C-alpha atoms as a PDB file:
ATOM      1  CA  MET A   1     -89.601-151.723  11.694  1.00  0.00           C
ATOM      2  CA  SER A   2     -87.365-152.873   9.057  1.00  0.00           C
ATOM      3  CA  ASN A   3     -85.260-155.896   9.352  1.00  0.00           C
ATOM      4  CA  LYS A   4     -82.037-153.916   9.008  1.00  0.00           C
ATOM      5  CA  ILE A   5     -83.067-151.767  12.039  1.00  0.00           C
ATOM      6  CA  LYS A   6     -84.104-154.821  14.045  1.00  0.00           C
ATOM      7  CA  THR A   7     -80.733-156.354  13.279  1.00  0.00           C
ATOM      8  CA  VAL A   8     -78.889-153.243  14.481  1.00  0.00           C
ATOM      9  CA  ILE A   9     -81.028-153.104  17.634  1.00  0.00           C
ATOM     10  CA  GLY A  10     -80.438-156.770  18.378  1.00  0.00           C
ATOM     11  CA  ALA A  11     -76.681-156.475  17.927  1.00  0.00           C
ATOM     12  CA  CYS A  12     -76.647-153.588  20.364  1.00  0.00           C
ATOM     13  CA  ALA A  13     -78.697-155.424  22.910  1.00  0.00           C
ATOM     14  CA  ILE A  14     -76.364-158.322  22.627  1.00  0.00           C
ATOM     15  CA  SER A  15     -73.304-156.051  22.998  1.00  0.00           C
ATOM     16  CA  VAL A  16     -74.715-154.493  26.145  1.00  0.00           C
ATOM     17  CA  GLY A  17     -75.580-157.886  27.601  1.00  0.00           C
ATOM     18  CA  LEU A  18     -72.072-159.234  27.002  1.00  0.00           C
ATOM     19  CA  ALA A  19     -70.523-155.931  28.594  1.00  0.00           C
ATOM     20  CA  MET A  20     -72.737-156.255  31.653  1.00  0.00           C
ATOM     21  CA  SER A  21     -71.815-159.984  32.230  1.00  0.00           C
ATOM     22  CA  GLY A  22     -68.223-159.488  31.691  1.00  0.00           C
ATOM     23  CA  ILE A  23     -68.007-161.739  28.733  1.00  0.00           C
ATOM     24  CA  GLY A  24     -67.435-158.699  26.410  1.00  0.00           C
ATOM     25  CA  ALA A  25     -64.180-157.955  28.473  1.00  0.00           C
ATOM     26  CA  ALA A  26     -63.024-161.532  27.869  1.00  0.00           C
ATOM     27  CA  GLN A  27     -63.375-161.134  24.191  1.00  0.00           C
ATOM     28  CA  ALA A  28     -61.217-157.916  24.047  1.00  0.00           C
ATOM     29  CA  ASP A  29     -57.548-158.193  23.356  1.00  0.00           C
ATOM     30  CA  TRP A  30     -55.740-159.535  26.505  1.00  0.00           C
ATOM     31  CA  PRO A  31     -54.428-158.278  28.663  1.00  0.00           C
ATOM     32  CA  GLU A  32     -55.829-154.718  29.014  1.00  0.00           C
ATOM     33  CA  ARG A  33     -54.852-154.131  32.624  1.00  0.00           C
ATOM     34  CA  PRO A  34     -52.260-155.448  35.203  1.00  0.00           C
ATOM     35  CA  ILE A  35     -52.259-159.082  35.980  1.00  0.00           C
ATOM     36  CA  LYS A  36     -52.316-160.667  39.458  1.00  0.00           C
ATOM     37  CA  VAL A  37     -50.410-163.769  40.476  1.00  0.00           C
ATOM     38  CA  ILE A  38     -51.224-165.249  43.852  1.00  0.00           C
ATOM     39  CA  VAL A  39     -48.254-166.872  45.702  1.00  0.00           C
ATOM     40  CA  PRO A  40     -49.673-168.607  48.795  1.00  0.00           C
ATOM     41  CA  TYR A  41     -46.428-168.347  50.770  1.00  0.00           C
ATOM     42  CA  SER A  42     -44.653-165.655  52.509  1.00  0.00           C
ATOM     43  CA  PRO A  43     -42.177-163.241  50.586  1.00  0.00           C
ATOM     44  CA  GLY A  44     -38.496-164.558  50.038  1.00  0.00           C
ATOM     45  CA  GLY A  45     -39.308-168.279  49.724  1.00  0.00           C
ATOM     46  CA  SER A  46     -38.722-170.266  46.549  1.00  0.00           C
ATOM     47  CA  PRO A  47     -42.262-169.773  45.022  1.00  0.00           C
ATOM     48  CA  ASP A  48     -41.945-166.105  45.752  1.00  0.00           C
ATOM     49  CA  GLN A  49     -38.568-165.604  44.146  1.00  0.00           C
ATOM     50  CA  LEU A  50     -39.446-167.544  41.041  1.00  0.00           C
ATOM     51  CA  THR A  51     -42.708-165.796  40.496  1.00  0.00           C
ATOM     52  CA  ARG A  52     -41.029-162.450  40.891  1.00  0.00           C
ATOM     53  CA  LYS A  53     -38.321-163.308  38.421  1.00  0.00           C
ATOM     54  CA  PHE A  54     -40.880-164.346  35.820  1.00  0.00           C
ATOM     55  CA  SER A  55     -42.631-160.939  36.401  1.00  0.00           C
ATOM     56  CA  ALA A  56     -39.437-159.116  35.802  1.00  0.00           C
ATOM     57  CA  VAL A  57     -38.417-161.098  32.682  1.00  0.00           C
ATOM     58  CA  LEU A  58     -41.880-160.715  31.112  1.00  0.00           C
ATOM     59  CA  ALA A  59     -41.779-156.965  31.822  1.00  0.00           C
ATOM     60  CA  GLU A  60     -38.052-156.438  30.651  1.00  0.00           C
ATOM     61  CA  ASN A  61     -38.627-158.249  27.314  1.00  0.00           C
ATOM     62  CA  GLY A  62     -42.100-156.822  26.578  1.00  0.00           C
ATOM     63  CA  PHE A  63     -43.694-160.311  26.528  1.00  0.00           C
ATOM     64  CA  LEU A  64     -46.731-158.929  27.921  1.00  0.00           C
ATOM     65  CA  SER A  65     -48.219-155.463  27.562  1.00  0.00           C
ATOM     66  CA  GLU A  66     -49.188-155.240  31.077  1.00  0.00           C
ATOM     67  CA  PRO A  67     -47.337-155.881  34.505  1.00  0.00           C
ATOM     68  CA  VAL A  68     -47.595-159.059  36.407  1.00  0.00           C
ATOM     69  CA  ASN A  69     -47.963-158.217  40.037  1.00  0.00           C
ATOM     70  CA  VAL A  70     -47.086-160.784  42.529  1.00  0.00           C
ATOM     71  CA  VAL A  71     -49.477-161.090  45.676  1.00  0.00           C
ATOM     72  CA  ASN A  72     -48.134-162.965  48.697  1.00  0.00           C
ATOM     73  CA  VAL A  73     -50.840-164.583  50.788  1.00  0.00           C
ATOM     74  CA  GLU A  74     -49.151-165.859  53.976  1.00  0.00           C
ATOM     75  CA  GLY A  75     -50.466-168.643  56.314  1.00  0.00           C
ATOM     76  CA  HIS A  76     -51.156-172.216  55.284  1.00  0.00           C
ATOM     77  CA  PHE A  77     -50.878-172.336  51.482  1.00  0.00           C
ATOM     78  CA  SER A  78     -54.627-173.414  51.338  1.00  0.00           C
ATOM     79  CA  VAL A  79     -55.493-169.831  52.166  1.00  0.00           C
ATOM     80  CA  GLY A  80     -53.952-168.287  49.138  1.00  0.00           C
ATOM     81  CA  ALA A  81     -55.210-171.169  46.849  1.00  0.00           C
ATOM     82  CA  THR A  82     -58.690-170.667  48.020  1.00  0.00           C
ATOM     83  CA  GLU A  83     -58.478-167.036  47.397  1.00  0.00           C
ATOM     84  CA  ALA A  84     -57.287-167.721  43.847  1.00  0.00           C
ATOM     85  CA  LYS A  85     -60.076-170.359  43.493  1.00  0.00           C
ATOM     86  CA  ASN A  86     -62.824-167.741  44.378  1.00  0.00           C
ATOM     87  CA  ALA A  87     -61.340-164.917  42.194  1.00  0.00           C
ATOM     88  CA  ARG A  88     -63.382-163.566  39.347  1.00  0.00           C
ATOM     89  CA  PRO A  89     -62.541-165.736  36.243  1.00  0.00           C
ATOM     90  CA  ASP A  90     -61.882-162.761  34.206  1.00  0.00           C
ATOM     91  CA  GLY A  91     -58.244-163.624  33.096  1.00  0.00           C
ATOM     92  CA  TYR A  92     -56.407-161.329  35.523  1.00  0.00           C
ATOM     93  CA  THR A  93     -55.863-163.574  38.439  1.00  0.00           C
ATOM     94  CA  PHE A  94     -53.617-166.598  38.464  1.00  0.00           C
ATOM     95  CA  LEU A  95     -52.133-168.932  41.001  1.00  0.00           C
ATOM     96  CA  PHE A  96     -48.531-170.271  41.189  1.00  0.00           C
ATOM     97  CA  LEU A  97     -48.088-173.391  43.091  1.00  0.00           C
ATOM     98  CA  HIS A  98     -46.767-176.982  43.035  1.00  0.00           C
ATOM     99  CA  ALA A  99     -47.945-180.357  44.410  1.00  0.00           C
ATOM    100  CA  ALA A 100     -49.078-179.098  47.638  1.00  0.00           C
ATOM    101  CA  LEU A 101     -52.298-178.423  45.717  1.00  0.00           C
ATOM    102  CA  MET A 102     -52.550-182.224  45.383  1.00  0.00           C
ATOM    103  CA  SER A 103     -51.264-183.496  48.669  1.00  0.00           C
ATOM    104  CA  ALA A 104     -53.721-181.088  50.435  1.00  0.00           C
ATOM    105  CA  GLU A 105     -56.648-182.664  48.852  1.00  0.00           C
ATOM    106  CA  VAL A 106     -55.597-186.143  50.159  1.00  0.00           C
ATOM    107  CA  VAL A 107     -54.301-185.206  53.617  1.00  0.00           C
ATOM    108  CA  ASN A 108     -57.222-182.801  54.423  1.00  0.00           C
ATOM    109  CA  PRO A 109     -60.251-183.285  52.037  1.00  0.00           C
ATOM    110  CA  ASP A 110     -62.303-180.967  53.943  1.00  0.00           C
ATOM    111  CA  SER A 111     -60.210-177.935  53.090  1.00  0.00           C
ATOM    112  CA  GLY A 112     -61.795-177.712  49.862  1.00  0.00           C
ATOM    113  CA  VAL A 113     -58.552-177.438  47.969  1.00  0.00           C
ATOM    114  CA  SER A 114     -58.003-179.599  44.783  1.00  0.00           C
ATOM    115  CA  TRP A 115     -56.313-179.171  41.494  1.00  0.00           C
ATOM    116  CA  ARG A 116     -59.623-179.982  39.731  1.00  0.00           C
ATOM    117  CA  ASN A 117     -60.777-176.490  40.996  1.00  0.00           C
ATOM    118  CA  TYR A 118     -58.446-174.638  38.517  1.00  0.00           C
ATOM    119  CA  ALA A 119     -57.771-174.288  34.840  1.00  0.00           C
ATOM    120  CA  PRO A 120     -54.143-175.335  34.196  1.00  0.00           C
ATOM    121  CA  VAL A 121     -52.039-172.774  32.348  1.00  0.00           C
ATOM    122  CA  ALA A 122     -48.503-174.104  32.323  1.00  0.00           C
ATOM    123  CA  LYS A 123     -45.766-175.930  33.817  1.00  0.00           C
ATOM    124  CA  THR A 124     -42.465-174.050  33.901  1.00  0.00           C
ATOM    125  CA  SER A 125     -39.935-175.718  36.017  1.00  0.00           C
ATOM    126  CA  ASN A 126     -39.028-178.673  38.323  1.00  0.00           C
ATOM    127  CA  PHE A 127     -37.194-178.679  41.599  1.00  0.00           C
ATOM    128  CA  GLY A 128     -35.894-180.918  44.478  1.00  0.00           C
ATOM    129  CA  LEU A 129     -35.753-180.542  48.114  1.00  0.00           C
ATOM    130  CA  THR A 130     -32.853-180.682  50.625  1.00  0.00           C
ATOM    131  CA  ILE A 131     -32.567-181.950  54.242  1.00  0.00           C
ATOM    132  CA  VAL A 132     -30.841-179.242  56.346  1.00  0.00           C
ATOM    133  CA  VAL A 133     -29.674-179.178  60.012  1.00  0.00           C
ATOM    134  CA  ASN A 134     -27.761-176.439  61.926  1.00  0.00           C
ATOM    135  CA  GLN A 135     -23.990-176.426  61.531  1.00  0.00           C
ATOM    136  CA  SER A 136     -23.704-177.242  65.310  1.00  0.00           C
ATOM    137  CA  SER A 137     -25.876-180.371  64.849  1.00  0.00           C
ATOM    138  CA  PRO A 138     -24.090-183.739  65.799  1.00  0.00           C
ATOM    139  CA  TRP A 139     -25.395-185.213  62.345  1.00  0.00           C
ATOM    140  CA  LYS A 140     -22.893-184.836  59.591  1.00  0.00           C
ATOM    141  CA  THR A 141     -24.620-187.163  57.050  1.00  0.00           C
ATOM    142  CA  LEU A 142     -28.191-187.896  56.100  1.00  0.00           C
ATOM    143  CA  PRO A 143     -27.827-191.599  57.331  1.00  0.00           C
ATOM    144  CA  GLU A 144     -26.608-190.454  60.717  1.00  0.00           C
ATOM    145  CA  LEU A 145     -29.728-188.161  61.168  1.00  0.00           C
ATOM    146  CA  MET A 146     -32.035-191.098  60.001  1.00  0.00           C
ATOM    147  CA  ALA A 147     -30.423-193.511  62.333  1.00  0.00           C
ATOM    148  CA  ALA A 148     -30.675-190.942  65.203  1.00  0.00           C
ATOM    149  CA  THR A 149     -34.576-190.963  64.700  1.00  0.00           C
ATOM    150  CA  VAL A 150     -34.880-194.572  65.087  1.00  0.00           C
ATOM    151  CA  GLY A 151     -34.112-194.395  68.840  1.00  0.00           C
ATOM    152  CA  ASP A 152     -35.211-190.820  69.416  1.00  0.00           C
ATOM    153  CA  HIS A 153     -38.598-189.706  67.916  1.00  0.00           C
ATOM    154  CA  ASP A 154     -38.456-186.260  69.650  1.00  0.00           C
ATOM    155  CA  ILE A 155     -35.990-184.758  67.070  1.00  0.00           C
ATOM    156  CA  LYS A 156     -37.866-181.672  65.899  1.00  0.00           C
ATOM    157  CA  PHE A 157     -38.420-181.629  62.169  1.00  0.00           C
ATOM    158  CA  GLY A 158     -39.892-178.478  60.413  1.00  0.00           C
ATOM    159  CA  VAL A 159     -42.612-179.203  58.095  1.00  0.00           C
ATOM    160  CA  ASN A 160     -45.741-177.677  56.269  1.00  0.00           C
ATOM    161  CA  LEU A 161     -48.241-180.341  56.982  1.00  0.00           C
ATOM    162  CA  GLY A 162     -49.940-181.550  53.829  1.00  0.00           C
ATOM    163  CA  ALA A 163     -47.376-179.670  51.666  1.00  0.00           C
ATOM    164  CA  ILE A 164     -44.551-181.019  49.552  1.00  0.00           C
ATOM    165  CA  ASN A 165     -41.870-181.075  52.271  1.00  0.00           C
ATOM    166  CA  HIS A 166     -44.354-183.224  54.330  1.00  0.00           C
ATOM    167  CA  LEU A 167     -44.401-185.575  51.296  1.00  0.00           C
ATOM    168  CA  THR A 168     -40.599-185.693  51.245  1.00  0.00           C
ATOM    169  CA  TYR A 169     -40.693-186.502  55.017  1.00  0.00           C
ATOM    170  CA  ILE A 170     -42.812-189.545  54.287  1.00  0.00           C
ATOM    171  CA  ASP A 171     -40.562-190.550  51.569  1.00  0.00           C
ATOM    172  CA  LEU A 172     -37.552-190.444  53.835  1.00  0.00           C
ATOM    173  CA  MET A 173     -39.404-192.489  56.556  1.00  0.00           C
ATOM    174  CA  ASP A 174     -40.395-195.148  53.978  1.00  0.00           C
ATOM    175  CA  ALA A 175     -36.772-195.477  53.134  1.00  0.00           C
ATOM    176  CA  TRP A 176     -35.458-195.917  56.636  1.00  0.00           C
ATOM    177  CA  PRO A 177     -37.621-198.417  58.709  1.00  0.00           C
ATOM    178  CA  GLY A 178     -38.324-197.449  62.375  1.00  0.00           C
ATOM    179  CA  SER A 179     -37.286-193.850  61.790  1.00  0.00           C
ATOM    180  CA  ASP A 180     -39.593-190.990  62.789  1.00  0.00           C
ATOM    181  CA  PHE A 181     -39.372-187.345  63.784  1.00  0.00           C
ATOM    182  CA  LYS A 182     -41.385-184.840  65.898  1.00  0.00           C
ATOM    183  CA  LEU A 183     -43.154-182.834  63.221  1.00  0.00           C
ATOM    184  CA  VAL A 184     -43.363-179.054  64.040  1.00  0.00           C
ATOM    185  CA  GLN A 185     -45.666-177.050  61.789  1.00  0.00           C
ATOM    186  CA  VAL A 186     -43.439-174.324  60.542  1.00  0.00           C
ATOM    187  CA  GLY A 187     -44.031-173.632  56.807  1.00  0.00           C
ATOM    188  CA  GLY A 188     -41.897-173.481  53.594  1.00  0.00           C
ATOM    189  CA  GLY A 189     -38.185-172.576  53.302  1.00  0.00           C
ATOM    190  CA  GLY A 190     -38.625-168.893  54.157  1.00  0.00           C
ATOM    191  CA  LYS A 191     -40.098-169.796  57.461  1.00  0.00           C
ATOM    192  CA  GLN A 192     -37.679-172.682  58.146  1.00  0.00           C
ATOM    193  CA  TYR A 193     -34.532-170.671  57.835  1.00  0.00           C
ATOM    194  CA  PRO A 194     -34.899-168.509  61.076  1.00  0.00           C
ATOM    195  CA  GLN A 195     -36.281-171.668  62.891  1.00  0.00           C
ATOM    196  CA  LEU A 196     -33.109-173.744  61.973  1.00  0.00           C
ATOM    197  CA  LYS A 197     -30.873-170.647  62.796  1.00  0.00           C
ATOM    198  CA  GLY A 198     -32.436-170.237  66.162  1.00  0.00           C
ATOM    199  CA  GLY A 199     -32.358-173.881  67.169  1.00  0.00           C
ATOM    200  CA  HIS A 200     -36.125-173.999  67.398  1.00  0.00           C
ATOM    201  CA  ILE A 201     -36.094-177.075  65.113  1.00  0.00           C
ATOM    202  CA  GLN A 202     -33.327-179.601  64.841  1.00  0.00           C
ATOM    203  CA  ALA A 203     -33.825-180.557  61.008  1.00  0.00           C
ATOM    204  CA  GLY A 204     -35.845-179.210  58.067  1.00  0.00           C
ATOM    205  CA  ILE A 205     -36.605-179.266  54.323  1.00  0.00           C
ATOM    206  CA  MET A 206     -35.683-176.360  52.075  1.00  0.00           C
ATOM    207  CA  THR A 207     -35.581-176.333  48.329  1.00  0.00           C
ATOM    208  CA  SER A 208     -32.236-176.056  46.412  1.00  0.00           C
ATOM    209  CA  GLN A 209     -33.148-172.507  45.631  1.00  0.00           C
ATOM    210  CA  ASP A 210     -33.612-171.614  49.255  1.00  0.00           C
ATOM    211  CA  ILE A 211     -30.121-173.016  49.951  1.00  0.00           C
ATOM    212  CA  LEU A 212     -28.625-171.076  47.053  1.00  0.00           C
ATOM    213  CA  THR A 213     -30.337-167.903  48.198  1.00  0.00           C
ATOM    214  CA  PHE A 214     -29.399-168.052  51.870  1.00  0.00           C
ATOM    215  CA  GLN A 215     -25.867-169.462  51.430  1.00  0.00           C
ATOM    216  CA  ASP A 216     -25.504-169.510  55.230  1.00  0.00           C
ATOM    217  CA  PRO A 217     -22.447-171.288  56.714  1.00  0.00           C
ATOM    218  CA  GLU A 218     -24.451-171.904  59.793  1.00  0.00           C
ATOM    219  CA  LEU A 219     -26.473-174.507  58.057  1.00  0.00           C
ATOM    220  CA  ARG A 220     -25.398-177.836  56.859  1.00  0.00           C
ATOM    221  CA  VAL A 221     -27.149-179.582  53.897  1.00  0.00           C
ATOM    222  CA  LEU A 222     -27.209-183.366  54.165  1.00  0.00           C
ATOM    223  CA  GLY A 223     -28.676-184.362  50.841  1.00  0.00           C
ATOM    224  CA  TYR A 224     -30.693-183.398  47.761  1.00  0.00           C
ATOM    225  CA  SER A 225     -33.900-185.302  46.704  1.00  0.00           C
ATOM    226  CA  GLY A 226     -33.252-185.083  42.872  1.00  0.00           C
ATOM    227  CA  PRO A 227     -31.925-187.774  40.592  1.00  0.00           C
ATOM    228  CA  ALA A 228     -28.544-186.223  40.122  1.00  0.00           C
ATOM    229  CA  ARG A 229     -26.327-183.491  41.914  1.00  0.00           C
ATOM    230  CA  LEU A 230     -27.006-180.006  40.911  1.00  0.00           C
ATOM    231  CA  GLY A 231     -24.388-177.918  39.004  1.00  0.00           C
ATOM    232  CA  ALA A 232     -25.021-175.115  41.350  1.00  0.00           C
ATOM    233  CA  LEU A 233     -24.496-177.419  44.513  1.00  0.00           C
ATOM    234  CA  PRO A 234     -21.994-179.979  43.376  1.00  0.00           C
ATOM    235  CA  GLU A 235     -20.951-180.721  46.860  1.00  0.00           C
ATOM    236  CA  ILE A 236     -24.348-181.949  48.035  1.00  0.00           C
ATOM    237  CA  PRO A 237     -24.998-185.477  47.355  1.00  0.00           C
ATOM    238  CA  THR A 238     -28.417-186.789  46.393  1.00  0.00           C
ATOM    239  CA  PHE A 239     -30.297-188.828  48.931  1.00  0.00           C
ATOM    240  CA  ARG A 240     -29.336-192.021  47.286  1.00  0.00           C
ATOM    241  CA  GLU A 241     -25.546-190.985  46.854  1.00  0.00           C
ATOM    242  CA  ALA A 242     -25.713-190.336  50.709  1.00  0.00           C
ATOM    243  CA  GLY A 243     -27.123-193.871  51.386  1.00  0.00           C
ATOM    244  CA  VAL A 244     -30.870-193.318  51.695  1.00  0.00           C
ATOM    245  CA  GLU A 245     -33.195-194.877  49.000  1.00  0.00           C
ATOM    246  CA  ALA A 246     -35.474-191.999  48.709  1.00  0.00           C
ATOM    247  CA  GLY A 247     -35.835-188.918  46.482  1.00  0.00           C
ATOM    248  CA  ILE A 248     -38.737-187.172  44.634  1.00  0.00           C
ATOM    249  CA  THR A 249     -38.893-183.849  42.797  1.00  0.00           C
ATOM    250  CA  TYR A 250     -41.749-181.468  42.093  1.00  0.00           C
ATOM    251  CA  ASP A 251     -43.193-179.279  39.274  1.00  0.00           C
ATOM    252  CA  TYR A 252     -44.140-175.595  39.553  1.00  0.00           C
ATOM    253  CA  TRP A 253     -47.516-174.929  37.915  1.00  0.00           C
ATOM    254  CA  TRP A 254     -49.437-171.954  36.910  1.00  0.00           C
ATOM    255  CA  PHE A 255     -53.293-171.983  37.268  1.00  0.00           C
ATOM    256  CA  ALA A 256     -56.214-169.875  36.722  1.00  0.00           C
ATOM    257  CA  PRO A 257     -59.697-169.839  38.254  1.00  0.00           C
ATOM    258  CA  LYS A 258     -62.133-172.201  36.660  1.00  0.00           C
ATOM    259  CA  ASP A 259     -64.063-170.661  33.516  1.00  0.00           C
ATOM    260  CA  THR A 260     -61.185-168.202  32.940  1.00  0.00           C
ATOM    261  CA  PRO A 261     -61.379-167.056  29.175  1.00  0.00           C
ATOM    262  CA  GLN A 262     -59.152-169.438  27.004  1.00  0.00           C
ATOM    263  CA  GLU A 263     -57.712-166.321  25.405  1.00  0.00           C
ATOM    264  CA  ALA A 264     -56.156-165.325  28.702  1.00  0.00           C
ATOM    265  CA  ILE A 265     -54.883-168.807  29.672  1.00  0.00           C
ATOM    266  CA  ASP A 266     -53.268-169.211  26.040  1.00  0.00           C
ATOM    267  CA  GLY A 267     -51.750-165.742  26.146  1.00  0.00           C
ATOM    268  CA  PHE A 268     -50.269-166.133  29.629  1.00  0.00           C
ATOM    269  CA  ALA A 269     -48.960-169.537  28.762  1.00  0.00           C
ATOM    270  CA  ALA A 270     -47.361-168.126  25.529  1.00  0.00           C
ATOM    271  CA  ALA A 271     -45.657-165.347  27.433  1.00  0.00           C
ATOM    272  CA  LEU A 272     -44.451-167.671  30.250  1.00  0.00           C
ATOM    273  CA  GLU A 273     -42.933-169.984  27.333  1.00  0.00           C
ATOM    274  CA  LYS A 274     -41.128-166.951  25.843  1.00  0.00           C
ATOM    275  CA  ALA A 275     -39.802-165.924  29.141  1.00  0.00           C
ATOM    276  CA  ILE A 276     -38.506-169.413  30.205  1.00  0.00           C
ATOM    277  CA  ALA A 277     -36.673-169.601  26.826  1.00  0.00           C
ATOM    278  CA  SER A 278     -34.810-166.255  27.327  1.00  0.00           C
ATOM    279  CA  ASP A 279     -31.111-166.349  28.291  1.00  0.00           C
ATOM    280  CA  ASP A 280     -31.684-164.286  31.414  1.00  0.00           C
ATOM    281  CA  MET A 281     -34.218-166.832  32.830  1.00  0.00           C
ATOM    282  CA  GLN A 282     -32.260-169.893  31.810  1.00  0.00           C
ATOM    283  CA  THR A 283     -29.160-168.445  33.683  1.00  0.00           C
ATOM    284  CA  TRP A 284     -31.167-167.628  36.794  1.00  0.00           C
ATOM    285  CA  LEU A 285     -32.704-171.101  36.789  1.00  0.00           C
ATOM    286  CA  ASP A 286     -29.359-172.721  36.665  1.00  0.00           C
ATOM    287  CA  ALA A 287     -28.093-170.572  39.465  1.00  0.00           C
ATOM    288  CA  LYS A 288     -31.003-171.428  41.567  1.00  0.00           C
ATOM    289  CA  GLY A 289     -30.810-175.138  41.022  1.00  0.00           C
ATOM    290  CA  LEU A 290     -34.078-175.332  39.007  1.00  0.00           C
ATOM    291  CA  THR A 291     -34.795-177.278  35.885  1.00  0.00           C
ATOM    292  CA  ASP A 292     -36.411-175.845  32.811  1.00  0.00           C
ATOM    293  CA  ASP A 293     -39.461-178.079  32.155  1.00  0.00           C
ATOM    294  CA  PHE A 294     -42.197-176.186  30.071  1.00  0.00           C
ATOM    295  CA  LEU A 295     -45.663-177.634  29.279  1.00  0.00           C
ATOM    296  CA  LYS A 296     -48.964-176.245  28.240  1.00  0.00           C
ATOM    297  CA  GLY A 297     -52.206-177.398  26.626  1.00  0.00           C
ATOM    298  CA  PRO A 298     -53.239-181.166  26.459  1.00  0.00           C
ATOM    299  CA  GLU A 299     -49.650-182.186  27.322  1.00  0.00           C
ATOM    300  CA  LEU A 300     -49.702-180.282  30.500  1.00  0.00           C
ATOM    301  CA  VAL A 301     -53.170-181.792  31.430  1.00  0.00           C
ATOM    302  CA  ALA A 302     -51.904-185.180  30.836  1.00  0.00           C
ATOM    303  CA  ASP A 303     -48.726-184.638  32.820  1.00  0.00           C
ATOM    304  CA  ILE A 304     -50.709-183.224  35.865  1.00  0.00           C
ATOM    305  CA  GLU A 305     -53.057-186.188  35.846  1.00  0.00           C
ATOM    306  CA  ALA A 306     -49.858-188.435  35.854  1.00  0.00           C
ATOM    307  CA  THR A 307     -48.330-186.595  38.829  1.00  0.00           C
ATOM    308  CA  TRP A 308     -51.745-186.987  40.762  1.00  0.00           C
ATOM    309  CA  GLU A 309     -51.375-190.723  40.550  1.00  0.00           C
ATOM    310  CA  LYS A 310     -47.835-190.673  41.848  1.00  0.00           C
ATOM    311  CA  ILE A 311     -48.691-188.165  44.663  1.00  0.00           C
ATOM    312  CA  VAL A 312     -51.911-189.894  45.987  1.00  0.00           C
ATOM    313  CA  PRO A 313     -50.050-192.968  47.648  1.00  0.00           C
ATOM    314  CA  ILE A 314     -47.433-190.822  49.292  1.00  0.00           C
ATOM    315  CA  ALA A 315     -50.056-188.322  50.396  1.00  0.00           C
ATOM    316  CA  GLU A 316     -52.158-191.248  51.847  1.00  0.00           C
ATOM    317  CA  LYS A 317     -49.225-192.130  54.021  1.00  0.00           C
ATOM    318  CA  ALA A 318     -48.802-188.497  55.287  1.00  0.00           C
ATOM    319  CA  LYS A 319     -52.480-188.456  56.144  1.00  0.00           C
ATOM    320  CA  SER A 320     -52.087-191.732  57.982  1.00  0.00           C
ATOM    321  CA  ALA A 321     -49.024-190.531  59.957  1.00  0.00           C
ATOM    322  CA  LEU A 322     -50.785-187.454  60.989  1.00  0.00           C
ATOM    323  CA  LYS A 323     -53.814-189.437  62.452  1.00  0.00           C
ATOM    324  CA  ASN A 324     -51.175-191.644  64.408  1.00  0.00           C
ATOM    325  CA  LYS A 325     -49.379-188.601  65.919  1.00  0.00           C
END
């Protein structure tokens, strides 16, 4: 057999092997089919709204040749995060989440959830949280609510244990010695809204995006955790303006399963960067009280690592608080 024939046969064998292993698909032009983004929260909440907006902007502007389909996985966010972690790393499954991915690792290390289990794709925005009560509540200001919890630890406070609203809760407790709530596992903003409306919890935490979406006069917002008032919610004071020395914000991240082809990671990050720079997306972010904050590549990795260092001490306190409940 000639060397030329051997070479052709060898090349064919390699091609077949790559195709069978799935590597051949990774080397093709990406994307070749619809993309799935897992949002580990119920429909209607802040992460769901933002992901769907990105999906729409990507499609309307032709930033990707294939659609981005949002898949909600309800229950504790770790369920959806685990599903994304275990997904086939073929470049067609992604996860949209925030610092809950970090706090869960500290609060419940047995959950198997860790930001290290994923390949970072991009950071697209930043957001803060608000403290909310029912309009019929006796507390008109954040200090009034915090002072009430010093003498009454049975005030029901909605939270998603181990998630970012739990971290904000710890931040508030640290800023007001002697204060404490009776934590009620509720979930994110989409779940807290009916609980507050129905009087099942007396206080809760929602994102600014939730507040702007619901715009319900039956709810009273006592403060915002960001460093400055939002243009979309100018009447809501920051925690510090209200008289409580607390306040942290969180990033929204896009991840892929480990070993996802770099072509897919880079391609999706580039599309997200185009989407967030569009006038439509910028207008929407402003209206929802979100901050444009895009990162990808090595800068993103460094930023995530720095965020982890900030989250750990707060999450450790959340873990300790749960043990003492």
